[in-house]
Amino acid sequence: MSSWATRPLAIAIWLASMMAAPCAHAQALSSAPLDADGLPPVVITTTPPPLDIPYVQYGVAFTTEFVASAGKMCGSAEPCILGSGGGIVARAGRRSAGPWYFGAAYELSKQDPSSLYRFATLQQLRAEARWYLATGYDTQPYATAGAGLAGYGNEWGVDTWGPVIHVGIGLESQLSRRTVVGIALSYRMMALRSFVDSTGAEREAGITQLIGIDLSMEERDPLARAPR
């Protein structure tokens, strides 16, 4: 059969398919539940774009360190050399495409030494992890834990030091795709070594317990291109 003879048949098939598509679409709409006006409902989603690529996440936080128990560092005869205070934290880490963040933090806070130090500083270097709970919204809660080293002394010096561990919970909210703000509440425990303070009094080794509150702002830089 020549091409001239088959061309009308091909055109007819094409026209039939074009007419069938609107009919199928109308049938699909007619099967959907209708609203009070007899129209298909409009579905609006508030779910943000998925965090589907890994990021470098970094930023700073203002922190307070409330001393819940200074342990043997505060003897009955001498003033307590370690009281509550506050300072700043610098953080950087990797936020995975899933729920995990792994990073490091350096914290410097000024504590109340009961006038035994000119400028009492508590320094902490910690490895930290977070596990985010997916909510489908711009705000996500998370659990955090970490461990590292702490040092305490006068004017950025280290008179005593020891390991520190912490656990906590937090809440993080996206201002934009790359900027997040958050708040976290943490329980920290430090095992500080014995030392002699500025008055010559010996402070025994012991466990110090603190409650930390962080107010943070962090940025995200993508490590890979988002899939299309």
N, C-alpha and C. Protein backbone atom coordinates (compact mmCIF):
# COMPACT_ATOMS: atom_id res chain seq x y z
N MET A 1 0.86 -1.19 0.00
CA MET A 1 0.00 0.00 0.00
C MET A 1 0.89 1.23 0.00
N SER A 2 0.56 2.22 -0.81
CA SER A 2 1.40 3.40 -0.94
C SER A 2 1.26 4.30 0.27
N SER A 3 2.23 5.20 0.43
CA SER A 3 2.19 6.14 1.55
C SER A 3 1.01 7.08 1.45
N TRP A 4 0.58 7.39 0.22
CA TRP A 4 -0.58 8.27 0.05
C TRP A 4 -1.86 7.61 0.54
N ALA A 5 -1.91 6.30 0.46
CA ALA A 5 -3.11 5.59 0.90
C ALA A 5 -3.15 5.45 2.42
N THR A 6 -1.98 5.31 3.04
CA THR A 6 -1.94 5.13 4.50
C THR A 6 -2.01 6.45 5.26
N ARG A 7 -1.70 7.57 4.60
CA ARG A 7 -1.67 8.85 5.32
C ARG A 7 -3.02 9.21 5.93
N PRO A 8 -4.19 9.06 5.26
CA PRO A 8 -5.46 9.39 5.93
C PRO A 8 -5.71 8.53 7.16
N LEU A 9 -5.29 7.25 7.12
CA LEU A 9 -5.48 6.38 8.27
C LEU A 9 -4.66 6.85 9.47
N ALA A 10 -3.40 7.27 9.22
CA ALA A 10 -2.54 7.76 10.31
C ALA A 10 -3.10 9.03 10.92
N ILE A 11 -3.61 9.92 10.09
CA ILE A 11 -4.19 11.17 10.60
C ILE A 11 -5.40 10.89 11.47
N ALA A 12 -6.20 9.92 11.05
CA ALA A 12 -7.39 9.57 11.83
C ALA A 12 -7.03 9.01 13.19
N ILE A 13 -6.00 8.17 13.25
CA ILE A 13 -5.57 7.61 14.53
C ILE A 13 -5.05 8.70 15.45
N TRP A 14 -4.28 9.65 14.90
CA TRP A 14 -3.74 10.76 15.70
C TRP A 14 -4.85 11.62 16.28
N LEU A 15 -5.87 11.94 15.47
CA LEU A 15 -6.99 12.74 15.94
C LEU A 15 -7.76 12.03 17.04
N ALA A 16 -7.92 10.69 16.89
CA ALA A 16 -8.65 9.93 17.91
C ALA A 16 -7.92 9.94 19.24
N SER A 17 -6.58 9.84 19.20
CA SER A 17 -5.81 9.86 20.44
C SER A 17 -5.86 11.21 21.12
N MET A 18 -5.83 12.31 20.35
CA MET A 18 -5.90 13.65 20.93
C MET A 18 -7.24 13.90 21.59
N MET A 19 -8.32 13.34 20.99
CA MET A 19 -9.65 13.51 21.56
C MET A 19 -9.83 12.65 22.81
N ALA A 20 -9.15 11.52 22.88
CA ALA A 20 -9.31 10.62 24.03
C ALA A 20 -8.62 11.16 25.27
N ALA A 21 -7.51 11.92 25.11
CA ALA A 21 -6.77 12.43 26.27
C ALA A 21 -7.60 13.36 27.14
N PRO A 22 -8.30 14.39 26.59
CA PRO A 22 -9.14 15.23 27.46
C PRO A 22 -10.24 14.45 28.14
N CYS A 23 -10.78 13.44 27.44
CA CYS A 23 -11.84 12.64 28.06
C CYS A 23 -11.33 11.87 29.28
N ALA A 24 -10.12 11.31 29.15
CA ALA A 24 -9.54 10.58 30.27
C ALA A 24 -9.26 11.51 31.44
N HIS A 25 -8.76 12.75 31.14
CA HIS A 25 -8.48 13.72 32.19
C HIS A 25 -9.77 14.13 32.91
N ALA A 26 -10.84 14.35 32.12
CA ALA A 26 -12.11 14.73 32.71
C ALA A 26 -12.67 13.62 33.58
N GLN A 27 -12.46 12.38 33.15
CA GLN A 27 -12.94 11.25 33.95
C GLN A 27 -12.20 11.17 35.28
N ALA A 28 -10.87 11.44 35.24
CA ALA A 28 -10.09 11.41 36.48
C ALA A 28 -10.55 12.49 37.44
N LEU A 29 -10.86 13.70 36.91
CA LEU A 29 -11.33 14.78 37.76
C LEU A 29 -12.70 14.48 38.35
N SER A 30 -13.55 13.83 37.52
CA SER A 30 -14.90 13.54 38.00
C SER A 30 -14.90 12.52 39.13
N SER A 31 -13.86 11.67 39.19
CA SER A 31 -13.79 10.67 40.26
C SER A 31 -13.24 11.24 41.55
N ALA A 32 -12.65 12.47 41.52
CA ALA A 32 -12.10 13.09 42.73
C ALA A 32 -13.23 13.66 43.57
N PRO A 33 -13.09 13.70 44.91
CA PRO A 33 -14.13 14.30 45.75
C PRO A 33 -14.27 15.78 45.47
N LEU A 34 -15.51 16.30 45.49
CA LEU A 34 -15.79 17.69 45.17
C LEU A 34 -15.98 18.49 46.45
N ASP A 35 -15.72 19.82 46.35
CA ASP A 35 -15.93 20.68 47.50
C ASP A 35 -17.37 21.16 47.54
N ALA A 36 -17.67 22.14 48.39
CA ALA A 36 -19.04 22.61 48.57
C ALA A 36 -19.61 23.27 47.32
N ASP A 37 -18.73 23.81 46.48
CA ASP A 37 -19.18 24.46 45.24
C ASP A 37 -19.24 23.49 44.07
N GLY A 38 -19.01 22.21 44.32
CA GLY A 38 -19.05 21.23 43.25
C GLY A 38 -17.83 21.19 42.38
N LEU A 39 -16.68 21.73 42.90
CA LEU A 39 -15.43 21.78 42.15
C LEU A 39 -14.41 20.88 42.82
N PRO A 40 -13.47 20.34 42.04
CA PRO A 40 -12.40 19.53 42.65
C PRO A 40 -11.60 20.36 43.64
N PRO A 41 -11.21 19.81 44.78
CA PRO A 41 -10.45 20.57 45.78
C PRO A 41 -9.07 20.92 45.27
N VAL A 42 -8.57 22.08 45.75
CA VAL A 42 -7.21 22.51 45.43
C VAL A 42 -6.29 22.04 46.55
N VAL A 43 -5.29 21.26 46.21
CA VAL A 43 -4.37 20.69 47.19
C VAL A 43 -3.14 21.59 47.29
N ILE A 44 -2.87 22.12 48.48
CA ILE A 44 -1.71 22.98 48.71
C ILE A 44 -0.82 22.30 49.74
N THR A 45 0.43 22.11 49.43
CA THR A 45 1.36 21.47 50.35
C THR A 45 2.31 22.49 50.94
N THR A 46 2.62 22.35 52.23
CA THR A 46 3.57 23.24 52.90
C THR A 46 4.90 22.54 53.16
N THR A 47 5.06 21.35 52.57
CA THR A 47 6.30 20.61 52.79
C THR A 47 7.45 21.28 52.07
N PRO A 48 8.54 21.63 52.75
CA PRO A 48 9.67 22.28 52.09
C PRO A 48 10.41 21.31 51.20
N PRO A 49 11.24 21.82 50.30
CA PRO A 49 12.04 20.92 49.46
C PRO A 49 12.89 20.00 50.32
N PRO A 50 13.06 18.74 49.94
CA PRO A 50 13.83 17.80 50.76
C PRO A 50 15.30 18.16 50.82
N LEU A 51 15.92 17.85 51.95
CA LEU A 51 17.36 18.05 52.09
C LEU A 51 18.03 16.82 51.48
N ASP A 52 18.09 16.81 50.14
CA ASP A 52 18.46 15.59 49.43
C ASP A 52 19.92 15.55 49.01
N ILE A 53 20.74 16.47 49.49
CA ILE A 53 22.17 16.45 49.21
C ILE A 53 22.91 16.77 50.51
N PRO A 54 24.16 16.33 50.64
CA PRO A 54 24.92 16.65 51.86
C PRO A 54 25.37 18.11 51.87
N TYR A 55 25.54 18.65 53.07
CA TYR A 55 25.94 20.04 53.25
C TYR A 55 27.10 20.12 54.24
N VAL A 56 27.91 21.17 54.09
CA VAL A 56 28.79 21.62 55.17
C VAL A 56 27.97 22.63 55.98
N GLN A 57 27.84 22.39 57.27
CA GLN A 57 27.04 23.26 58.12
C GLN A 57 27.95 23.86 59.19
N TYR A 58 27.94 25.18 59.31
CA TYR A 58 28.86 25.86 60.23
C TYR A 58 28.19 27.12 60.76
N GLY A 59 28.66 27.57 61.92
CA GLY A 59 28.10 28.78 62.49
C GLY A 59 28.58 29.03 63.90
N VAL A 60 27.88 29.94 64.58
CA VAL A 60 28.24 30.33 65.94
C VAL A 60 27.00 30.28 66.82
N ALA A 61 27.23 30.27 68.12
CA ALA A 61 26.13 30.25 69.08
C ALA A 61 26.54 31.04 70.31
N PHE A 62 25.56 31.68 70.92
CA PHE A 62 25.74 32.25 72.25
C PHE A 62 25.30 31.20 73.25
N THR A 63 26.11 30.98 74.28
CA THR A 63 25.84 29.89 75.21
C THR A 63 25.90 30.36 76.65
N THR A 64 25.15 29.69 77.49
CA THR A 64 25.25 29.87 78.94
C THR A 64 25.59 28.52 79.55
N GLU A 65 26.44 28.53 80.55
CA GLU A 65 26.83 27.31 81.26
C GLU A 65 26.45 27.48 82.73
N PHE A 66 25.33 26.86 83.12
CA PHE A 66 24.89 26.89 84.51
C PHE A 66 25.50 25.70 85.25
N VAL A 67 26.20 25.97 86.34
CA VAL A 67 26.83 24.91 87.12
C VAL A 67 25.77 24.28 88.02
N ALA A 68 25.41 23.04 87.72
CA ALA A 68 24.46 22.32 88.56
C ALA A 68 25.15 21.75 89.79
N SER A 69 26.42 21.31 89.62
CA SER A 69 27.20 20.80 90.74
C SER A 69 28.67 20.92 90.39
N ALA A 70 29.43 21.63 91.21
CA ALA A 70 30.86 21.76 90.99
C ALA A 70 31.65 20.64 91.65
N GLY A 71 30.98 19.76 92.37
CA GLY A 71 31.65 18.62 92.98
C GLY A 71 32.67 19.04 94.03
N LYS A 72 33.80 18.36 94.04
CA LYS A 72 34.84 18.61 95.04
C LYS A 72 35.66 19.86 94.75
N MET A 73 35.42 20.52 93.59
CA MET A 73 36.12 21.77 93.31
C MET A 73 35.70 22.86 94.27
N CYS A 74 34.53 22.73 94.86
CA CYS A 74 34.03 23.72 95.82
C CYS A 74 34.04 23.10 97.21
N GLY A 75 35.12 23.31 97.94
CA GLY A 75 35.21 22.78 99.29
C GLY A 75 34.37 23.58 100.27
N SER A 76 34.20 23.05 101.46
CA SER A 76 33.38 23.73 102.47
C SER A 76 34.10 24.93 103.08
N ALA A 77 35.44 24.91 103.05
CA ALA A 77 36.19 26.00 103.69
C ALA A 77 36.54 27.12 102.71
N GLU A 78 36.58 26.85 101.41
CA GLU A 78 36.98 27.86 100.44
C GLU A 78 35.79 28.25 99.57
N PRO A 79 35.82 29.47 99.01
CA PRO A 79 34.78 29.87 98.06
C PRO A 79 34.82 28.97 96.82
N CYS A 80 33.68 28.85 96.18
CA CYS A 80 33.60 28.01 94.98
C CYS A 80 34.32 28.70 93.83
N ILE A 81 35.27 28.01 93.24
CA ILE A 81 36.07 28.61 92.19
C ILE A 81 35.43 28.48 90.81
N LEU A 82 34.39 27.70 90.69
CA LEU A 82 33.72 27.50 89.40
C LEU A 82 32.23 27.76 89.56
N GLY A 83 31.78 28.89 89.02
CA GLY A 83 30.36 29.22 89.02
C GLY A 83 29.83 29.33 87.61
N SER A 84 28.58 29.70 87.49
CA SER A 84 27.93 29.77 86.19
C SER A 84 28.49 30.93 85.36
N GLY A 85 28.29 30.84 84.05
CA GLY A 85 28.79 31.88 83.15
C GLY A 85 28.23 31.73 81.76
N GLY A 86 28.88 32.38 80.80
CA GLY A 86 28.42 32.33 79.42
C GLY A 86 29.51 32.70 78.46
N GLY A 87 29.27 32.41 77.16
CA GLY A 87 30.27 32.70 76.15
C GLY A 87 29.78 32.39 74.76
N ILE A 88 30.69 31.95 73.89
CA ILE A 88 30.36 31.69 72.50
C ILE A 88 30.86 30.30 72.10
N VAL A 89 30.25 29.77 71.04
CA VAL A 89 30.62 28.46 70.49
C VAL A 89 30.79 28.61 68.99
N ALA A 90 31.84 28.03 68.44
CA ALA A 90 32.03 27.95 66.99
C ALA A 90 31.89 26.48 66.58
N ARG A 91 31.09 26.23 65.53
CA ARG A 91 30.83 24.85 65.10
C ARG A 91 31.01 24.71 63.60
N ALA A 92 31.38 23.49 63.19
CA ALA A 92 31.44 23.14 61.77
C ALA A 92 31.30 21.63 61.67
N GLY A 93 30.59 21.20 60.63
CA GLY A 93 30.39 19.77 60.46
C GLY A 93 29.74 19.45 59.13
N ARG A 94 29.34 18.21 58.99
CA ARG A 94 28.72 17.71 57.75
C ARG A 94 27.30 17.26 58.06
N ARG A 95 26.36 17.86 57.38
CA ARG A 95 24.96 17.43 57.47
C ARG A 95 24.68 16.51 56.29
N SER A 96 24.30 15.28 56.58
CA SER A 96 24.07 14.31 55.53
C SER A 96 22.74 14.57 54.84
N ALA A 97 22.50 13.85 53.74
CA ALA A 97 21.21 13.95 53.07
C ALA A 97 20.11 13.31 53.91
N GLY A 98 20.49 12.52 54.90
CA GLY A 98 19.53 11.91 55.81
C GLY A 98 19.40 12.70 57.09
N PRO A 99 19.19 12.05 58.22
CA PRO A 99 18.91 12.75 59.48
C PRO A 99 20.14 13.10 60.32
N TRP A 100 21.36 12.82 59.84
CA TRP A 100 22.54 12.92 60.69
C TRP A 100 23.38 14.16 60.41
N TYR A 101 23.98 14.67 61.50
CA TYR A 101 25.00 15.72 61.45
C TYR A 101 26.17 15.26 62.33
N PHE A 102 27.38 15.37 61.80
CA PHE A 102 28.59 15.08 62.57
C PHE A 102 29.54 16.26 62.42
N GLY A 103 30.06 16.74 63.56
CA GLY A 103 30.94 17.90 63.49
C GLY A 103 31.75 18.09 64.74
N ALA A 104 32.37 19.27 64.84
CA ALA A 104 33.22 19.63 65.97
C ALA A 104 32.83 21.01 66.46
N ALA A 105 33.07 21.25 67.75
CA ALA A 105 32.72 22.54 68.35
C ALA A 105 33.83 22.98 69.30
N TYR A 106 34.11 24.28 69.27
CA TYR A 106 35.01 24.89 70.25
C TYR A 106 34.22 25.92 71.03
N GLU A 107 34.21 25.79 72.34
CA GLU A 107 33.45 26.70 73.20
C GLU A 107 34.39 27.42 74.17
N LEU A 108 34.18 28.72 74.30
CA LEU A 108 34.91 29.54 75.26
C LEU A 108 33.89 30.31 76.07
N SER A 109 33.89 30.10 77.39
CA SER A 109 32.93 30.80 78.25
C SER A 109 33.65 31.39 79.45
N LYS A 110 33.14 32.51 79.91
CA LYS A 110 33.65 33.16 81.12
C LYS A 110 32.78 32.73 82.29
N GLN A 111 33.41 32.14 83.29
CA GLN A 111 32.68 31.63 84.46
C GLN A 111 32.91 32.53 85.67
N ASP A 112 32.09 32.38 86.67
CA ASP A 112 32.20 33.13 87.92
C ASP A 112 33.15 32.39 88.87
N PRO A 113 34.35 32.94 89.16
CA PRO A 113 35.32 32.24 90.02
C PRO A 113 35.31 32.72 91.46
N SER A 114 34.27 33.47 91.87
CA SER A 114 34.22 34.03 93.24
C SER A 114 35.44 34.89 93.54
N SER A 115 35.86 35.67 92.55
CA SER A 115 37.00 36.60 92.66
C SER A 115 38.33 35.92 92.89
N LEU A 116 38.41 34.59 92.68
CA LEU A 116 39.68 33.89 92.85
C LEU A 116 40.53 33.96 91.59
N TYR A 117 39.92 34.23 90.45
CA TYR A 117 40.63 34.43 89.20
C TYR A 117 40.28 35.82 88.69
N ARG A 118 41.21 36.40 87.92
CA ARG A 118 40.93 37.69 87.30
C ARG A 118 39.91 37.53 86.17
N PHE A 119 40.10 36.47 85.36
CA PHE A 119 39.22 36.24 84.21
C PHE A 119 39.14 34.73 84.00
N ALA A 120 38.20 34.10 84.67
CA ALA A 120 38.10 32.65 84.62
C ALA A 120 37.51 32.19 83.29
N THR A 121 38.20 31.30 82.62
CA THR A 121 37.75 30.82 81.31
C THR A 121 37.63 29.30 81.32
N LEU A 122 36.51 28.83 80.79
CA LEU A 122 36.27 27.41 80.59
C LEU A 122 36.29 27.15 79.09
N GLN A 123 37.20 26.30 78.65
CA GLN A 123 37.32 25.98 77.22
C GLN A 123 36.95 24.51 77.00
N GLN A 124 36.20 24.28 75.92
CA GLN A 124 35.79 22.93 75.58
C GLN A 124 35.99 22.69 74.09
N LEU A 125 36.55 21.55 73.77
CA LEU A 125 36.69 21.10 72.38
C LEU A 125 35.97 19.75 72.30
N ARG A 126 34.89 19.71 71.50
CA ARG A 126 34.02 18.54 71.50
C ARG A 126 33.76 18.05 70.07
N ALA A 127 33.62 16.74 69.95
CA ALA A 127 33.03 16.13 68.76
C ALA A 127 31.54 15.95 69.04
N GLU A 128 30.70 16.32 68.07
CA GLU A 128 29.26 16.32 68.30
C GLU A 128 28.51 15.59 67.19
N ALA A 129 27.38 15.03 67.54
CA ALA A 129 26.48 14.40 66.57
C ALA A 129 25.06 14.84 66.87
N ARG A 130 24.27 14.95 65.80
CA ARG A 130 22.85 15.27 65.92
C ARG A 130 22.05 14.28 65.09
N TRP A 131 20.87 13.95 65.59
CA TRP A 131 19.92 13.14 64.82
C TRP A 131 18.62 13.91 64.73
N TYR A 132 18.24 14.29 63.49
CA TYR A 132 17.07 15.12 63.26
C TYR A 132 15.83 14.25 63.04
N LEU A 133 14.72 14.70 63.59
CA LEU A 133 13.44 14.05 63.37
C LEU A 133 12.73 14.77 62.23
N ALA A 134 12.47 14.06 61.13
CA ALA A 134 11.82 14.65 59.97
C ALA A 134 10.36 14.96 60.30
N THR A 135 9.96 16.23 60.10
CA THR A 135 8.60 16.65 60.40
C THR A 135 7.83 17.07 59.16
N GLY A 136 8.53 17.31 58.04
CA GLY A 136 7.88 17.83 56.85
C GLY A 136 7.67 19.33 56.89
N TYR A 137 8.21 20.00 57.92
CA TYR A 137 8.09 21.45 58.05
C TYR A 137 9.47 22.09 58.11
N ASP A 138 9.48 23.43 58.19
CA ASP A 138 10.76 24.14 58.24
C ASP A 138 11.46 23.97 59.58
N THR A 139 10.76 23.55 60.63
CA THR A 139 11.32 23.39 61.96
C THR A 139 11.44 21.91 62.29
N GLN A 140 12.63 21.51 62.75
CA GLN A 140 12.90 20.11 63.07
C GLN A 140 13.50 19.99 64.47
N PRO A 141 12.99 19.11 65.30
CA PRO A 141 13.66 18.80 66.57
C PRO A 141 14.80 17.81 66.34
N TYR A 142 15.75 17.79 67.26
CA TYR A 142 16.85 16.84 67.14
C TYR A 142 17.37 16.46 68.51
N ALA A 143 18.04 15.32 68.55
CA ALA A 143 18.78 14.88 69.74
C ALA A 143 20.26 15.02 69.45
N THR A 144 21.03 15.36 70.46
CA THR A 144 22.46 15.58 70.26
C THR A 144 23.26 14.91 71.37
N ALA A 145 24.48 14.53 71.04
CA ALA A 145 25.41 13.95 72.01
C ALA A 145 26.83 14.25 71.54
N GLY A 146 27.77 14.23 72.48
CA GLY A 146 29.14 14.51 72.10
C GLY A 146 30.11 14.22 73.23
N ALA A 147 31.39 14.34 72.91
CA ALA A 147 32.45 14.09 73.89
C ALA A 147 33.69 14.84 73.46
N GLY A 148 34.56 15.15 74.44
CA GLY A 148 35.79 15.86 74.12
C GLY A 148 36.60 16.16 75.37
N LEU A 149 37.29 17.30 75.34
CA LEU A 149 38.14 17.72 76.46
C LEU A 149 37.74 19.11 76.92
N ALA A 150 37.88 19.35 78.22
CA ALA A 150 37.60 20.66 78.81
C ALA A 150 38.80 21.10 79.63
N GLY A 151 39.03 22.42 79.63
CA GLY A 151 40.11 23.00 80.42
C GLY A 151 39.62 24.26 81.12
N TYR A 152 40.06 24.45 82.37
CA TYR A 152 39.60 25.61 83.15
C TYR A 152 40.80 26.28 83.79
N GLY A 153 40.79 27.63 83.76
CA GLY A 153 41.89 28.37 84.36
C GLY A 153 41.67 29.86 84.27
N ASN A 154 42.75 30.60 84.49
CA ASN A 154 42.69 32.05 84.51
C ASN A 154 43.23 32.63 83.21
N GLU A 155 42.46 33.55 82.59
CA GLU A 155 42.90 34.26 81.40
C GLU A 155 43.36 33.31 80.30
N TRP A 156 42.48 32.42 79.88
CA TRP A 156 42.73 31.44 78.81
C TRP A 156 43.78 30.40 79.19
N GLY A 157 44.23 30.40 80.42
CA GLY A 157 45.14 29.36 80.86
C GLY A 157 44.38 28.10 81.24
N VAL A 158 45.11 27.01 81.47
CA VAL A 158 44.51 25.73 81.83
C VAL A 158 45.17 25.26 83.12
N ASP A 159 44.46 25.42 84.24
CA ASP A 159 44.95 24.93 85.53
C ASP A 159 44.49 23.50 85.80
N THR A 160 43.33 23.15 85.25
CA THR A 160 42.80 21.79 85.39
C THR A 160 42.08 21.42 84.11
N TRP A 161 42.08 20.13 83.83
CA TRP A 161 41.45 19.68 82.59
C TRP A 161 40.93 18.25 82.77
N GLY A 162 40.16 17.82 81.80
CA GLY A 162 39.62 16.47 81.85
C GLY A 162 38.60 16.24 80.75
N PRO A 163 38.10 15.03 80.65
CA PRO A 163 37.12 14.71 79.60
C PRO A 163 35.76 15.32 79.91
N VAL A 164 35.00 15.59 78.85
CA VAL A 164 33.65 16.11 78.98
C VAL A 164 32.75 15.34 78.02
N ILE A 165 31.56 15.01 78.48
CA ILE A 165 30.55 14.39 77.63
C ILE A 165 29.25 15.18 77.78
N HIS A 166 28.39 15.09 76.78
CA HIS A 166 27.11 15.79 76.89
C HIS A 166 26.04 15.08 76.08
N VAL A 167 24.80 15.26 76.50
CA VAL A 167 23.61 14.83 75.77
C VAL A 167 22.62 15.98 75.83
N GLY A 168 21.74 16.05 74.84
CA GLY A 168 20.79 17.15 74.84
C GLY A 168 19.74 17.02 73.76
N ILE A 169 18.87 18.00 73.72
CA ILE A 169 17.84 18.11 72.70
C ILE A 169 17.85 19.52 72.14
N GLY A 170 17.36 19.68 70.91
CA GLY A 170 17.35 20.99 70.30
C GLY A 170 16.23 21.14 69.30
N LEU A 171 16.11 22.35 68.78
CA LEU A 171 15.11 22.68 67.78
C LEU A 171 15.77 23.60 66.77
N GLU A 172 15.63 23.26 65.49
CA GLU A 172 16.27 24.02 64.41
C GLU A 172 15.23 24.43 63.38
N SER A 173 15.30 25.68 62.94
CA SER A 173 14.31 26.20 61.99
C SER A 173 15.02 26.88 60.83
N GLN A 174 14.53 26.64 59.61
CA GLN A 174 15.12 27.21 58.41
C GLN A 174 14.60 28.62 58.17
N LEU A 175 15.53 29.59 58.07
CA LEU A 175 15.17 30.93 57.60
C LEU A 175 15.17 30.96 56.08
N SER A 176 16.05 30.16 55.49
CA SER A 176 16.13 29.99 54.04
C SER A 176 16.69 28.60 53.79
N ARG A 177 16.91 28.29 52.53
CA ARG A 177 17.46 26.98 52.19
C ARG A 177 18.82 26.78 52.84
N ARG A 178 19.58 27.85 53.06
CA ARG A 178 20.94 27.73 53.57
C ARG A 178 21.15 28.27 54.98
N THR A 179 20.22 29.00 55.54
CA THR A 179 20.40 29.60 56.85
C THR A 179 19.41 29.01 57.84
N VAL A 180 19.92 28.57 58.99
CA VAL A 180 19.07 28.00 60.04
C VAL A 180 19.42 28.65 61.37
N VAL A 181 18.42 28.74 62.24
CA VAL A 181 18.62 29.20 63.62
C VAL A 181 18.11 28.10 64.53
N GLY A 182 18.63 28.08 65.75
CA GLY A 182 18.23 27.00 66.64
C GLY A 182 18.45 27.32 68.10
N ILE A 183 17.89 26.45 68.93
CA ILE A 183 18.09 26.51 70.38
C ILE A 183 18.30 25.08 70.86
N ALA A 184 19.22 24.91 71.81
CA ALA A 184 19.53 23.57 72.32
C ALA A 184 19.74 23.62 73.82
N LEU A 185 19.31 22.55 74.47
CA LEU A 185 19.49 22.38 75.91
C LEU A 185 20.32 21.12 76.13
N SER A 186 21.45 21.25 76.85
CA SER A 186 22.37 20.12 77.01
C SER A 186 22.76 19.92 78.46
N TYR A 187 22.99 18.68 78.81
CA TYR A 187 23.56 18.32 80.11
C TYR A 187 24.99 17.88 79.88
N ARG A 188 25.94 18.52 80.57
CA ARG A 188 27.36 18.21 80.40
C ARG A 188 27.93 17.69 81.72
N MET A 189 28.88 16.79 81.60
CA MET A 189 29.56 16.25 82.77
C MET A 189 31.06 16.25 82.50
N MET A 190 31.82 16.90 83.37
CA MET A 190 33.27 17.01 83.22
C MET A 190 33.95 16.34 84.41
N ALA A 191 35.02 15.62 84.14
CA ALA A 191 35.84 15.01 85.18
C ALA A 191 37.17 15.76 85.22
N LEU A 192 37.26 16.78 86.07
CA LEU A 192 38.43 17.66 86.12
C LEU A 192 39.45 17.15 87.15
N ARG A 193 40.72 17.34 86.81
CA ARG A 193 41.81 16.88 87.67
C ARG A 193 42.01 17.83 88.85
N SER A 194 42.72 17.36 89.87
CA SER A 194 43.03 18.21 91.03
C SER A 194 44.05 19.27 90.62
N PHE A 195 44.01 20.41 91.32
CA PHE A 195 44.94 21.51 91.03
C PHE A 195 45.00 22.44 92.23
N VAL A 196 45.97 23.35 92.20
CA VAL A 196 46.13 24.37 93.24
C VAL A 196 45.71 25.70 92.64
N ASP A 197 44.76 26.40 93.29
CA ASP A 197 44.24 27.64 92.72
C ASP A 197 45.15 28.82 93.06
N SER A 198 44.71 30.03 92.73
CA SER A 198 45.54 31.24 92.89
C SER A 198 45.79 31.60 94.35
N THR A 199 45.00 31.06 95.27
CA THR A 199 45.21 31.35 96.69
C THR A 199 46.09 30.31 97.36
N GLY A 200 46.49 29.28 96.63
CA GLY A 200 47.29 28.21 97.20
C GLY A 200 46.48 27.07 97.75
N ALA A 201 45.15 27.16 97.64
CA ALA A 201 44.29 26.08 98.14
C ALA A 201 44.24 24.95 97.11
N GLU A 202 44.27 23.74 97.60
CA GLU A 202 44.22 22.58 96.70
C GLU A 202 42.76 22.20 96.43
N ARG A 203 42.46 22.06 95.16
CA ARG A 203 41.12 21.65 94.74
C ARG A 203 41.17 20.20 94.28
N GLU A 204 40.34 19.38 94.89
CA GLU A 204 40.37 17.96 94.59
C GLU A 204 39.74 17.66 93.23
N ALA A 205 40.16 16.55 92.67
CA ALA A 205 39.56 16.08 91.42
C ALA A 205 38.13 15.63 91.69
N GLY A 206 37.30 15.76 90.67
CA GLY A 206 35.91 15.35 90.85
C GLY A 206 35.09 15.59 89.60
N ILE A 207 33.81 15.28 89.72
CA ILE A 207 32.86 15.41 88.62
C ILE A 207 32.13 16.74 88.74
N THR A 208 32.13 17.50 87.67
CA THR A 208 31.39 18.76 87.59
C THR A 208 30.25 18.61 86.60
N GLN A 209 29.07 19.06 86.98
CA GLN A 209 27.88 18.93 86.12
C GLN A 209 27.38 20.33 85.74
N LEU A 210 27.08 20.50 84.46
CA LEU A 210 26.62 21.79 83.96
C LEU A 210 25.39 21.59 83.07
N ILE A 211 24.59 22.64 82.98
CA ILE A 211 23.46 22.70 82.06
C ILE A 211 23.75 23.83 81.07
N GLY A 212 23.82 23.49 79.79
CA GLY A 212 24.13 24.47 78.76
C GLY A 212 22.93 24.79 77.90
N ILE A 213 22.77 26.07 77.56
CA ILE A 213 21.72 26.53 76.64
C ILE A 213 22.40 27.31 75.51
N ASP A 214 22.15 26.87 74.27
CA ASP A 214 22.76 27.50 73.09
C ASP A 214 21.69 28.16 72.24
N LEU A 215 21.97 29.37 71.76
CA LEU A 215 21.18 30.04 70.74
C LEU A 215 22.08 30.20 69.53
N SER A 216 21.77 29.53 68.44
CA SER A 216 22.72 29.41 67.33
C SER A 216 22.15 29.94 66.02
N MET A 217 23.08 30.32 65.13
CA MET A 217 22.78 30.61 63.73
C MET A 217 23.85 29.92 62.89
N GLU A 218 23.41 29.14 61.90
CA GLU A 218 24.34 28.35 61.10
C GLU A 218 24.00 28.46 59.62
N GLU A 219 25.03 28.28 58.80
CA GLU A 219 24.90 28.33 57.35
C GLU A 219 25.17 26.94 56.78
N ARG A 220 24.60 26.67 55.60
CA ARG A 220 24.82 25.41 54.89
C ARG A 220 25.36 25.69 53.50
N ASP A 221 26.43 25.02 53.14
CA ASP A 221 26.99 25.06 51.80
C ASP A 221 26.90 23.67 51.20
N PRO A 222 26.26 23.52 50.03
CA PRO A 222 26.10 22.17 49.46
C PRO A 222 27.43 21.55 49.05
N LEU A 223 27.56 20.25 49.27
CA LEU A 223 28.74 19.50 48.86
C LEU A 223 28.56 18.85 47.50
N ALA A 224 27.34 18.86 46.97
CA ALA A 224 27.07 18.25 45.67
C ALA A 224 25.89 18.97 45.04
N ARG A 225 25.72 18.76 43.77
CA ARG A 225 24.59 19.36 43.06
C ARG A 225 23.32 18.59 43.37
N ALA A 226 22.23 19.33 43.50
CA ALA A 226 20.94 18.69 43.74
C ALA A 226 20.52 17.89 42.51
N PRO A 227 19.99 16.67 42.69
CA PRO A 227 19.54 15.88 41.55
C PRO A 227 18.36 16.53 40.84
N ARG A 228 18.31 16.41 39.54
CA ARG A 228 17.22 17.00 38.76
C ARG A 228 16.09 16.01 38.57
